[in-house]
Amino acid sequence: MKRTVYIASLYLTLLLLFGACSKDKGNYVYTSLDKVTIDVTGLATSYSLLRFDTLRIKPVVKYRGETINPDAPQFKELSFTWEMYPTQISRTIQEKYTIGNTIPLKVALDEKEAVWEVLLTVTNTNTGVKEFAKFTVAITPSLAEGWMVMYEKDGGTDVGMIVNNEISKTNTSERVLYDLYSASNNVPLEGTPGSIISSYASGPATLKIYAQTSADVVSINPTTFQKIDDFSTIFWSKPLVKAPQMIKATEKRKEFVINNNKLHIIDYLILGNGRRAFENPLSGNYGTLAPWVASTTTAFDAVVYDQTNKKFMKVIAGGTEIIPIATTQTPAAIGFDVNNVGMEFEMADLGYSTIANSGWENMIMKDAAGKRFLTIADFKTGEISTIGKEKYDMSNCPEIGAINSITASMSSRVFYYSSPSHVYQFDYTAGLTPVRWNAPGNEKITNIALQKHYNTNAALGVVLYNPKNFCKILYVATYNETTKIGSVYQMEINLTSGVITPGTEKKYTGFGKIKAMAWKPYFIL
């Protein structure tokens, strides 16, 4: 009986205690949490895009029973953040990016090629409560084939690319890509632009792009534009003085760097396993080298120009020094002696040859009186007595004193030069110099180039290493000093006459000050 009374008393006490607690609301502050929902109905959960394409995702966000206006959200306490970070598949990438702060996402994806998570976070800033929506995005390579432009911008150097059906061998959508190097490496190249080239010297397994500035020389992965090596690692033994002057590749499977007036080489004809790098500089008795190496040679490993002694010099096959050309020269009446040029080298481009599957260097030289000449030389045939094929006086050509760029066709005797205001065609066989193009408005011409590559082997080029419309497309780069904007004009030319085809001009703008241009082949790694 006592036990029954005890249990009943305990039950009554507990009932009173819980009742008191349920009525005690005066000691606490309760917040009613307004629910945010992210509606992704109809949206894909995973995306696959080419690098530099635009990602668009437009979810529906609801709050307090209302759909939020994506263009003008009506609730100021809500914030929206889109973030991007690598998935577990891409563990080698550590970056994390904020890519948007509005409900709809529209962003060009210039991040590295990998699989990423894209996360939308909606935060109630009053309560700190967050709601999430997650998407998977795979960025795939887009840098197949195009026309590269190297430009000065914001105190550094970067590279852009133009892609269209006048360039690409496969049907493609027209697009312009900007700041490829800085987008892939987080910083631009140091220094001002120098030279850029796509090299196939190393063979299909390790194809590279090389870029040289006043302060660096780098090798670049052609599908991602990520840096492979820079000045600190591109040599077997890093030079004590960092003064890069040019980078070059030739079809004889050689790559060259001139640094601090010293010539360094990678020779892929010499078999070797693993990483390749530029060797110690070649020796030799020479003066100041022009920032140039001949594009195509057969008997020689290289041909360079000695500005001090005003003559061409060579590197023999497998050679370790720069030496004179041995053969006594007996040039034709219109030719010149490559061992006694007597002029200052200014600029060059590989041009037309009367020999099949060849190319002759077209070079601008200036004599002591300031007169300029177009000189044409055959460095591919080797030790012949008539290397210096032709020499033409340009002293009567318009604006020749303001010449800043040249380009020569390898398909015909079409040769252009530019001043800041005009593009001229120097028809040296007829002695005519017609104006072919005028710079518009406040724009000044900074560079010109025909669409081609250094390959002279037609059979090889058909497959991969020469562009579509070989030597048929002319590019003119301009710069507006007021707006600080660089542009590229693309136009078709007549292969025989050099006349620009009416109605073919296209303009691409938004670059920096362009100093060099080059074709980028479709490299398969």
Protein backbone atom coordinates (compact mmCIF):
# COMPACT_ATOMS: atom_id res chain seq x y z
CA MET A 1 0.00 0.00 0.00
CA LYS A 2 2.80 2.41 0.87
CA ARG A 3 4.52 1.55 -2.41
CA THR A 4 1.37 2.44 -4.40
CA VAL A 5 1.06 5.81 -2.66
CA TYR A 6 4.78 6.54 -3.36
CA ILE A 7 4.50 5.87 -7.10
CA ALA A 8 1.35 7.95 -7.39
CA SER A 9 3.01 10.86 -5.56
CA LEU A 10 6.08 10.65 -7.84
CA TYR A 11 3.92 10.67 -10.97
CA LEU A 12 2.00 13.73 -9.75
CA THR A 13 5.24 15.59 -8.97
CA LEU A 14 6.69 14.93 -12.43
CA LEU A 15 3.45 15.99 -14.11
CA LEU A 16 3.46 19.31 -12.26
CA LEU A 17 7.14 19.85 -13.08
CA PHE A 18 6.72 19.32 -16.84
CA GLY A 19 3.66 21.47 -16.86
CA ALA A 20 5.58 24.32 -15.25
CA CYS A 21 8.38 24.01 -17.80
CA SER A 22 5.97 24.11 -20.73
CA LYS A 23 4.56 27.41 -19.51
CA ASP A 24 7.99 28.99 -18.85
CA LYS A 25 8.59 31.08 -22.01
CA GLY A 26 9.82 34.23 -20.39
CA ASN A 27 13.47 33.27 -19.97
CA TYR A 28 14.35 32.61 -23.69
CA VAL A 29 14.20 34.32 -27.13
CA TYR A 30 12.75 32.15 -29.91
CA THR A 31 13.33 32.98 -33.62
CA SER A 32 11.05 31.68 -36.34
CA LEU A 33 13.40 30.56 -39.15
CA ASP A 34 12.18 31.58 -42.62
CA LYS A 35 12.93 28.73 -44.96
CA VAL A 36 14.92 29.33 -48.18
CA THR A 37 14.51 26.77 -50.93
CA ILE A 38 16.55 26.42 -54.13
CA ASP A 39 14.50 24.85 -56.90
CA VAL A 40 16.68 23.16 -59.54
CA THR A 41 13.84 21.44 -61.34
CA GLY A 42 14.65 21.16 -65.03
CA LEU A 43 18.33 22.01 -64.54
CA ALA A 44 21.14 19.60 -65.28
CA THR A 45 23.20 18.52 -62.30
CA SER A 46 26.36 18.12 -64.36
CA TYR A 47 27.84 20.11 -67.26
CA SER A 48 30.66 19.62 -69.75
CA LEU A 49 32.05 22.71 -71.47
CA LEU A 50 35.05 23.70 -73.52
CA ARG A 51 37.51 25.82 -71.64
CA PHE A 52 36.69 29.55 -72.00
CA ASP A 53 33.06 28.76 -72.88
CA THR A 54 30.31 30.37 -70.80
CA LEU A 55 28.51 28.44 -68.06
CA ARG A 56 24.89 29.43 -67.51
CA ILE A 57 22.80 28.12 -64.58
CA LYS A 58 19.52 29.76 -63.52
CA PRO A 59 17.92 28.16 -60.44
CA VAL A 60 14.72 29.42 -58.79
CA VAL A 61 15.08 30.65 -55.19
CA LYS A 62 12.01 30.91 -52.92
CA TYR A 63 11.72 32.67 -49.57
CA ARG A 64 8.73 33.41 -47.32
CA GLY A 65 6.47 31.86 -49.89
CA GLU A 66 7.69 34.12 -52.72
CA THR A 67 9.86 33.49 -55.74
CA ILE A 68 12.80 35.88 -55.59
CA ASN A 69 13.28 38.19 -58.54
CA PRO A 70 16.68 37.08 -59.95
CA ASP A 71 17.43 40.51 -61.39
CA ALA A 72 16.34 42.58 -58.37
CA PRO A 73 16.00 40.44 -55.22
CA GLN A 74 13.30 41.84 -52.95
CA PHE A 75 14.79 40.56 -49.67
CA LYS A 76 17.96 42.43 -48.73
CA GLU A 77 18.89 40.00 -45.97
CA LEU A 78 19.67 37.27 -48.50
CA SER A 79 23.09 36.97 -50.13
CA PHE A 80 24.04 34.71 -53.03
CA THR A 81 27.48 33.22 -53.68
CA TRP A 82 28.65 30.88 -56.42
CA GLU A 83 31.91 29.07 -55.66
CA MET A 84 34.00 26.66 -57.68
CA TYR A 85 36.43 24.10 -56.31
CA PRO A 86 37.99 20.85 -57.59
CA THR A 87 36.31 17.51 -57.03
CA GLN A 88 38.07 14.55 -55.50
CA ILE A 89 38.89 13.44 -59.05
CA SER A 90 41.07 16.53 -59.49
CA ARG A 91 43.00 16.44 -56.23
CA THR A 92 46.14 17.97 -57.74
CA ILE A 93 44.33 21.30 -58.15
CA GLN A 94 44.11 23.34 -54.95
CA GLU A 95 42.39 26.50 -56.19
CA LYS A 96 38.99 27.70 -55.06
CA TYR A 97 37.19 30.55 -56.83
CA THR A 98 34.20 32.80 -56.24
CA ILE A 99 32.58 33.08 -59.66
CA GLY A 100 29.28 34.86 -59.03
CA ASN A 101 27.10 36.82 -56.59
CA THR A 102 23.67 36.74 -58.22
CA ILE A 103 21.01 34.04 -58.51
CA PRO A 104 21.60 33.37 -62.20
CA LEU A 105 25.16 32.34 -63.01
CA LYS A 106 26.77 33.46 -66.26
CA VAL A 107 30.55 33.13 -66.29
CA ALA A 108 33.30 32.33 -68.80
CA LEU A 109 35.25 29.36 -67.47
CA ASP A 110 38.95 30.10 -67.80
CA GLU A 111 39.94 27.77 -64.97
CA LYS A 112 42.10 24.70 -65.54
CA GLU A 113 40.78 21.71 -67.45
CA ALA A 114 39.44 19.39 -64.76
CA VAL A 115 36.24 18.29 -63.04
CA TRP A 116 34.91 20.95 -60.67
CA GLU A 117 32.12 21.35 -58.14
CA VAL A 118 30.09 24.53 -58.51
CA LEU A 119 28.23 25.46 -55.32
CA LEU A 120 25.46 28.03 -54.89
CA THR A 121 25.07 29.24 -51.30
CA VAL A 122 22.08 31.36 -50.26
CA THR A 123 22.67 32.93 -46.85
CA ASN A 124 20.15 34.64 -44.56
CA THR A 125 22.46 37.32 -43.14
CA ASN A 126 20.07 37.94 -40.22
CA THR A 127 20.12 34.36 -38.96
CA GLY A 128 23.23 32.88 -40.56
CA VAL A 129 21.20 30.01 -41.97
CA LYS A 130 22.42 28.75 -45.35
CA GLU A 131 20.89 26.74 -48.17
CA PHE A 132 22.95 25.00 -50.86
CA ALA A 133 22.73 23.66 -54.42
CA LYS A 134 25.63 21.83 -56.04
CA PHE A 135 26.52 21.10 -59.67
CA THR A 136 29.38 19.23 -61.35
CA VAL A 137 31.21 20.95 -64.21
CA ALA A 138 33.84 19.31 -66.42
CA ILE A 139 36.08 21.77 -68.30
CA THR A 140 37.53 20.17 -71.42
CA PRO A 141 40.32 21.40 -73.76
CA SER A 142 39.39 24.08 -76.31
CA LEU A 143 42.84 25.18 -77.44
CA ALA A 144 43.08 23.14 -80.61
CA GLU A 145 43.94 25.26 -83.64
CA GLY A 146 44.04 29.03 -83.99
CA TRP A 147 45.96 32.24 -84.54
CA MET A 148 47.99 33.35 -81.50
CA VAL A 149 48.61 37.01 -80.70
CA MET A 150 51.24 38.05 -78.16
CA TYR A 151 50.68 41.44 -76.55
CA GLU A 152 51.82 43.83 -73.87
CA LYS A 153 49.19 44.54 -71.23
CA ASP A 154 49.27 46.15 -67.78
CA GLY A 155 53.05 45.99 -67.57
CA GLY A 156 53.33 42.32 -68.54
CA THR A 157 52.83 40.05 -71.54
CA ASP A 158 49.92 37.78 -72.39
CA VAL A 159 48.67 35.68 -75.29
CA GLY A 160 45.27 35.57 -76.96
CA MET A 161 43.94 33.41 -79.78
CA ILE A 162 41.53 33.84 -82.69
CA VAL A 163 39.60 30.76 -83.85
CA ASN A 164 37.48 30.64 -87.00
CA ASN A 165 36.94 28.63 -90.16
CA GLU A 166 39.57 30.58 -92.09
CA ILE A 167 42.14 29.14 -89.67
CA SER A 168 40.87 25.77 -88.45
CA LYS A 169 40.87 22.70 -90.69
CA THR A 170 37.77 21.41 -88.92
CA ASN A 171 34.46 23.26 -88.76
CA THR A 172 34.43 25.41 -85.65
CA SER A 173 32.52 28.21 -83.99
CA GLU A 174 34.17 31.61 -84.24
CA ARG A 175 35.64 32.69 -80.92
CA VAL A 176 38.27 35.00 -79.48
CA LEU A 177 40.23 33.95 -76.39
CA TYR A 178 42.01 36.50 -74.22
CA ASP A 179 44.80 36.34 -71.64
CA LEU A 180 45.39 32.61 -72.06
CA TYR A 181 48.71 32.57 -70.25
CA SER A 182 47.61 34.47 -67.16
CA ALA A 183 44.33 32.53 -67.01
CA SER A 184 46.25 29.25 -66.91
CA ASN A 185 49.13 30.35 -64.68
CA ASN A 186 47.49 33.02 -62.48
CA VAL A 187 50.07 35.64 -63.56
CA PRO A 188 51.07 37.09 -66.95
CA LEU A 189 54.52 36.71 -68.44
CA GLU A 190 57.07 39.13 -67.05
CA GLY A 191 58.56 41.70 -69.44
CA THR A 192 57.58 43.01 -72.87
CA PRO A 193 56.69 40.72 -75.81
CA GLY A 194 59.43 39.25 -77.98
CA SER A 195 58.70 36.08 -79.95
CA ILE A 196 56.26 33.16 -79.91
CA ILE A 197 56.28 29.91 -81.88
CA SER A 198 54.67 26.46 -81.92
CA SER A 199 57.39 23.82 -82.12
CA TYR A 200 57.07 20.29 -83.46
CA ALA A 201 60.84 19.70 -83.25
CA SER A 202 60.51 17.32 -80.33
CA GLY A 203 58.05 14.98 -82.06
CA PRO A 204 54.41 14.14 -81.29
CA ALA A 205 54.93 13.18 -77.65
CA THR A 206 56.23 16.49 -76.29
CA LEU A 207 55.06 19.27 -78.58
CA LYS A 208 55.35 22.76 -77.10
CA ILE A 209 54.66 26.43 -77.55
CA TYR A 210 57.58 28.72 -76.75
CA ALA A 211 57.20 32.36 -75.71
CA GLN A 212 60.02 34.84 -75.13
CA THR A 213 59.83 38.25 -73.51
CA SER A 214 62.42 40.80 -72.47
CA ALA A 215 62.52 39.14 -69.05
CA ASP A 216 61.76 35.43 -69.54
CA VAL A 217 61.54 32.49 -71.91
CA VAL A 218 58.98 29.76 -71.24
CA SER A 219 57.71 26.54 -72.73
CA ILE A 220 53.94 26.06 -72.64
CA ASN A 221 51.60 23.07 -72.83
CA PRO A 222 49.69 23.63 -76.11
CA THR A 223 46.39 22.17 -74.89
CA THR A 224 46.17 23.91 -71.50
CA PHE A 225 48.55 26.88 -71.88
CA GLN A 226 50.09 25.99 -68.55
CA LYS A 227 53.78 26.76 -68.16
CA ILE A 228 56.12 23.78 -68.41
CA ASP A 229 59.48 25.49 -67.89
CA ASP A 230 60.70 29.06 -67.47
CA PHE A 231 64.17 30.62 -67.52
CA SER A 232 65.12 28.95 -64.25
CA THR A 233 64.49 25.41 -65.55
CA ILE A 234 64.56 25.54 -69.36
CA PHE A 235 68.40 25.21 -69.46
CA TRP A 236 70.47 22.33 -68.16
CA SER A 237 72.69 24.95 -66.52
CA LYS A 238 70.90 28.24 -65.94
CA PRO A 239 72.90 31.15 -67.41
CA LEU A 240 74.24 33.65 -64.91
CA VAL A 241 72.82 36.56 -66.93
CA LYS A 242 69.10 36.59 -67.73
CA ALA A 243 68.75 38.45 -71.04
CA PRO A 244 66.59 36.45 -73.50
CA GLN A 245 66.59 37.86 -77.05
CA MET A 246 64.63 35.32 -79.11
CA ILE A 247 63.21 31.79 -79.27
CA LYS A 248 63.08 29.73 -82.47
CA ALA A 249 62.28 26.23 -83.72
CA THR A 250 63.27 24.81 -87.10
CA GLU A 251 62.07 21.90 -89.19
CA LYS A 252 65.44 20.20 -88.73
CA ARG A 253 64.20 19.26 -85.26
CA LYS A 254 66.13 21.98 -83.46
CA GLU A 255 65.07 24.60 -80.94
CA PHE A 256 67.14 27.72 -80.23
CA VAL A 257 67.39 30.45 -77.63
CA ILE A 258 69.65 33.48 -77.86
CA ASN A 259 70.32 34.75 -74.35
CA ASN A 260 72.87 37.43 -73.52
CA ASN A 261 74.34 37.10 -77.04
CA LYS A 262 74.86 33.35 -76.59
CA LEU A 263 73.19 30.65 -78.72
CA HIS A 264 71.72 27.64 -76.90
CA ILE A 265 70.26 24.61 -78.67
CA ILE A 266 68.13 21.51 -78.12
CA ASP A 267 68.89 18.93 -80.83
CA TYR A 268 66.18 16.28 -81.04
CA LEU A 269 68.14 14.35 -83.68
CA ILE A 270 70.41 13.33 -80.82
CA LEU A 271 68.59 10.53 -79.08
CA GLY A 272 67.88 10.96 -75.41
CA ASN A 273 65.43 9.79 -72.79
CA GLY A 274 63.48 11.89 -70.34
CA ARG A 275 63.47 15.64 -70.03
CA ARG A 276 65.22 17.75 -72.67
CA ALA A 277 66.64 21.21 -71.98
CA PHE A 278 68.77 23.84 -73.69
CA GLU A 279 72.46 22.98 -73.67
CA ASN A 280 75.35 25.19 -72.63
CA PRO A 281 76.02 28.02 -75.12
CA LEU A 282 77.89 27.36 -78.34
CA SER A 283 81.37 28.82 -78.54
CA GLY A 284 82.82 30.80 -81.43
CA ASN A 285 84.58 33.97 -82.53
CA TYR A 286 81.79 36.38 -83.36
CA GLY A 287 80.44 39.81 -82.43
CA THR A 288 76.92 40.88 -81.51
CA LEU A 289 74.29 38.46 -82.79
CA ALA A 290 71.07 39.68 -84.38
CA PRO A 291 68.02 38.26 -82.54
CA TRP A 292 67.40 35.77 -85.35
CA VAL A 293 68.08 32.20 -86.50
CA ALA A 294 67.29 30.99 -90.03
CA SER A 295 63.96 29.15 -90.16
CA THR A 296 64.96 26.34 -92.48
CA THR A 297 68.37 24.75 -93.12
CA THR A 298 69.54 21.34 -94.34
CA ALA A 299 73.32 21.17 -94.39
CA PHE A 300 73.62 23.46 -91.36
CA ASP A 301 72.22 23.10 -87.86
CA ALA A 302 71.79 26.88 -87.74
CA VAL A 303 72.55 30.14 -89.50
CA VAL A 304 72.93 33.39 -87.49
CA TYR A 305 73.94 36.96 -88.32
CA ASP A 306 76.96 38.72 -86.84
CA GLN A 307 75.99 42.40 -86.57
CA THR A 308 79.51 43.49 -85.66
CA ASN A 309 81.26 41.89 -88.62
CA LYS A 310 78.17 42.20 -90.85
CA LYS A 311 78.09 38.66 -92.16
CA PHE A 312 76.21 35.37 -91.77
CA MET A 313 77.72 32.51 -89.81
CA LYS A 314 76.78 28.86 -89.39
CA VAL A 315 76.62 25.93 -87.00
CA ILE A 316 77.47 22.64 -88.70
CA ALA A 317 75.47 19.47 -88.04
CA GLY A 318 76.21 18.41 -84.49
CA GLY A 319 78.50 21.40 -84.09
CA THR A 320 79.43 23.07 -80.81
CA GLU A 321 80.58 26.45 -82.15
CA ILE A 322 79.52 29.27 -84.44
CA ILE A 323 81.87 29.45 -87.43
CA PRO A 324 82.11 31.24 -90.81
CA ILE A 325 80.41 29.88 -93.92
CA ALA A 326 83.25 28.10 -95.69
CA THR A 327 82.34 28.31 -99.37
CA THR A 328 83.64 31.28 -101.34
CA GLN A 329 80.64 33.19 -102.60
CA THR A 330 80.19 34.12 -106.26
CA PRO A 331 76.70 35.61 -106.25
CA ALA A 332 74.76 36.45 -109.37
CA ALA A 333 74.38 40.07 -110.47
CA ILE A 334 71.25 40.56 -108.37
CA GLY A 335 72.63 38.60 -105.42
CA PHE A 336 74.98 39.40 -102.52
CA ASP A 337 77.85 37.83 -100.59
CA VAL A 338 76.66 36.31 -97.29
CA ASN A 339 80.25 36.43 -96.02
CA ASN A 340 80.49 40.17 -96.65
CA VAL A 341 77.04 41.71 -96.39
CA GLY A 342 78.26 45.00 -94.97
CA MET A 343 74.87 45.99 -93.57
CA GLU A 344 72.89 45.91 -90.34
CA PHE A 345 70.28 43.15 -90.00
CA GLU A 346 66.82 44.50 -89.03
CA MET A 347 64.10 41.85 -89.54
CA ALA A 348 63.33 38.69 -91.52
CA ASP A 349 60.61 36.28 -92.60
CA LEU A 350 60.65 32.98 -94.48
CA GLY A 351 59.45 33.52 -98.04
CA TYR A 352 59.18 32.12 -101.54
CA SER A 353 61.74 29.82 -103.13
CA THR A 354 62.08 28.62 -106.71
CA ILE A 355 62.97 25.20 -105.28
CA ALA A 356 60.10 22.88 -104.35
CA ASN A 357 59.57 22.16 -100.64
CA SER A 358 61.95 24.91 -99.66
CA GLY A 359 61.91 28.48 -98.42
CA TRP A 360 64.24 31.45 -98.77
CA GLU A 361 64.79 34.01 -96.04
CA ASN A 362 63.52 37.52 -96.86
CA MET A 363 65.54 40.00 -94.80
CA ILE A 364 65.58 43.77 -94.39
CA MET A 365 69.12 45.17 -94.17
CA LYS A 366 70.27 48.78 -93.64
CA ASP A 367 73.57 50.16 -94.89
CA ALA A 368 75.77 52.83 -93.29
CA ALA A 369 73.97 55.58 -95.21
CA GLY A 370 70.58 54.47 -93.88
CA LYS A 371 69.39 52.91 -97.15
CA ARG A 372 67.34 49.74 -96.77
CA PHE A 373 67.46 46.65 -98.95
CA LEU A 374 65.41 43.49 -99.26
CA THR A 375 67.88 40.60 -99.34
CA ILE A 376 66.83 37.03 -100.16
CA ALA A 377 69.01 34.05 -99.21
CA ASP A 378 68.89 30.27 -99.61
CA PHE A 379 70.13 28.74 -96.36
CA LYS A 380 68.42 25.39 -96.94
CA THR A 381 70.56 24.05 -99.78
CA GLY A 382 73.79 24.34 -97.78
CA GLU A 383 77.38 25.16 -98.80
CA ILE A 384 76.78 26.59 -102.27
CA SER A 385 78.49 29.61 -103.82
CA THR A 386 75.22 31.46 -104.44
CA ILE A 387 73.53 31.54 -101.03
CA GLY A 388 72.72 35.25 -101.37
CA LYS A 389 70.16 35.00 -104.17
CA GLU A 390 68.70 38.49 -104.57
CA LYS A 391 69.10 42.07 -103.31
CA TYR A 392 66.67 44.94 -103.97
CA ASP A 393 67.05 48.63 -103.12
CA MET A 394 64.06 49.87 -101.09
CA SER A 395 65.27 53.44 -100.56
CA ASN A 396 62.52 54.86 -102.80
CA CYS A 397 59.73 52.86 -101.15
CA PRO A 398 57.17 55.01 -99.29
CA GLU A 399 57.64 55.31 -95.51
CA ILE A 400 60.58 52.89 -95.62
CA GLY A 401 62.21 54.85 -92.81
CA ALA A 402 59.25 53.95 -90.58
CA ILE A 403 59.19 50.23 -91.42
CA ASN A 404 58.19 48.19 -88.36
CA SER A 405 57.16 44.74 -89.63
CA ILE A 406 57.35 42.47 -92.69
CA THR A 407 55.73 39.26 -93.91
CA ALA A 408 56.52 37.18 -96.99
CA SER A 409 54.50 34.56 -98.83
CA MET A 410 56.01 31.11 -99.25
CA SER A 411 53.60 30.42 -102.13
CA SER A 412 54.56 33.32 -104.41
CA ARG A 413 56.70 36.45 -104.59
CA VAL A 414 54.25 38.46 -102.48
CA PHE A 415 56.03 40.59 -99.87
CA TYR A 416 54.47 43.15 -97.50
CA TYR A 417 55.94 45.69 -95.12
CA SER A 418 54.22 48.08 -92.75
CA SER A 419 54.65 51.52 -91.24
CA PRO A 420 52.48 52.65 -88.33
CA SER A 421 49.93 53.97 -90.85
CA HIS A 422 49.96 51.68 -93.90
CA VAL A 423 50.59 48.19 -95.24
CA TYR A 424 52.55 48.22 -98.51
CA GLN A 425 53.26 45.45 -100.98
CA PHE A 426 56.81 45.63 -102.32
CA ASP A 427 56.62 44.08 -105.78
CA TYR A 428 60.37 43.87 -106.18
CA THR A 429 60.33 42.24 -109.62
CA ALA A 430 58.19 45.04 -111.09
CA GLY A 431 59.61 47.84 -108.95
CA LEU A 432 56.17 48.83 -107.60
CA THR A 433 55.03 49.53 -104.02
CA PRO A 434 51.23 49.89 -103.86
CA VAL A 435 49.38 50.61 -100.61
CA ARG A 436 47.29 47.59 -99.65
CA TRP A 437 45.76 48.69 -96.32
CA ASN A 438 45.34 51.85 -94.23
CA ALA A 439 45.15 51.98 -90.44
CA PRO A 440 41.80 53.43 -89.31
CA GLY A 441 41.33 56.41 -86.99
CA ASN A 442 43.77 56.62 -84.11
CA GLU A 443 45.05 53.08 -84.59
CA LYS A 444 48.71 52.41 -85.39
CA ILE A 445 50.01 49.23 -87.01
CA THR A 446 52.29 47.22 -84.72
CA ASN A 447 52.72 43.90 -86.55
CA ILE A 448 51.75 42.07 -89.75
CA ALA A 449 51.87 38.35 -90.62
CA LEU A 450 50.62 35.90 -93.22
CA GLN A 451 48.94 32.70 -92.06
CA LYS A 452 51.70 30.09 -92.32
CA HIS A 453 54.20 28.06 -90.32
CA TYR A 454 57.92 27.39 -90.65
CA ASN A 455 57.34 23.94 -92.17
CA THR A 456 58.36 23.75 -95.85
CA ASN A 457 57.61 20.05 -96.37
CA ALA A 458 54.32 20.08 -98.25
CA ALA A 459 53.58 16.40 -97.69
CA LEU A 460 53.97 16.76 -93.93
CA GLY A 461 52.04 20.00 -93.86
CA VAL A 462 48.95 18.60 -95.52
CA VAL A 463 48.39 16.32 -92.57
CA LEU A 464 49.04 18.51 -89.58
CA TYR A 465 51.75 21.12 -89.45
CA ASN A 466 50.63 23.79 -91.90
CA PRO A 467 47.48 25.87 -91.53
CA LYS A 468 44.45 25.99 -93.73
CA ASN A 469 44.59 28.77 -96.35
CA PHE A 470 48.38 28.66 -96.33
CA CYS A 471 49.76 32.17 -97.02
CA LYS A 472 46.29 33.25 -98.14
CA ILE A 473 45.24 35.13 -94.98
CA LEU A 474 46.88 38.40 -93.92
CA TYR A 475 46.74 39.64 -90.32
CA VAL A 476 47.34 43.27 -89.39
CA ALA A 477 47.70 44.15 -85.68
CA THR A 478 46.96 47.71 -84.54
CA TYR A 479 47.00 49.63 -81.26
CA ASN A 480 45.07 52.67 -80.09
CA GLU A 481 47.26 54.54 -77.61
CA THR A 482 44.29 56.51 -76.24
CA THR A 483 42.05 53.53 -75.46
CA LYS A 484 44.97 51.13 -74.81
CA ILE A 485 43.22 48.54 -76.97
CA GLY A 486 44.85 46.32 -79.57
CA SER A 487 43.00 44.89 -82.56
CA VAL A 488 43.64 42.31 -85.27
CA TYR A 489 42.31 42.67 -88.80
CA GLN A 490 42.05 39.42 -90.76
CA MET A 491 41.70 39.52 -94.56
CA GLU A 492 42.10 37.24 -97.55
CA ILE A 493 44.66 38.03 -100.26
CA ASN A 494 45.12 36.96 -103.85
CA LEU A 495 48.03 34.51 -103.79
CA THR A 496 49.43 35.78 -107.08
CA SER A 497 48.80 39.52 -107.11
CA GLY A 498 48.85 40.22 -103.36
CA VAL A 499 45.66 42.29 -103.66
CA ILE A 500 43.33 42.08 -100.65
CA THR A 501 40.06 40.34 -101.56
CA PRO A 502 37.15 42.79 -101.06
CA GLY A 503 34.59 41.88 -98.41
CA THR A 504 36.84 39.48 -96.49
CA GLU A 505 38.07 41.76 -93.70
CA LYS A 506 37.20 40.83 -90.11
CA LYS A 507 38.13 42.75 -86.97
CA TYR A 508 38.93 41.22 -83.57
CA THR A 509 39.57 43.61 -80.72
CA GLY A 510 40.17 43.72 -76.97
CA PHE A 511 43.86 42.76 -76.86
CA GLY A 512 46.84 44.73 -75.57
CA LYS A 513 49.68 46.09 -77.72
CA ILE A 514 50.47 43.23 -80.10
CA LYS A 515 54.12 42.62 -80.93
CA ALA A 516 54.07 39.08 -82.39
CA MET A 517 51.63 36.65 -84.00
CA ALA A 518 51.88 32.96 -84.91
CA TRP A 519 49.80 29.97 -85.94
CA LYS A 520 48.98 27.32 -83.35
CA PRO A 521 48.59 23.86 -84.90
CA TYR A 522 46.31 21.17 -83.56
CA PHE A 523 48.71 19.31 -81.31
CA ILE A 524 47.76 15.81 -80.15
CA LEU A 525 49.52 14.97 -76.89
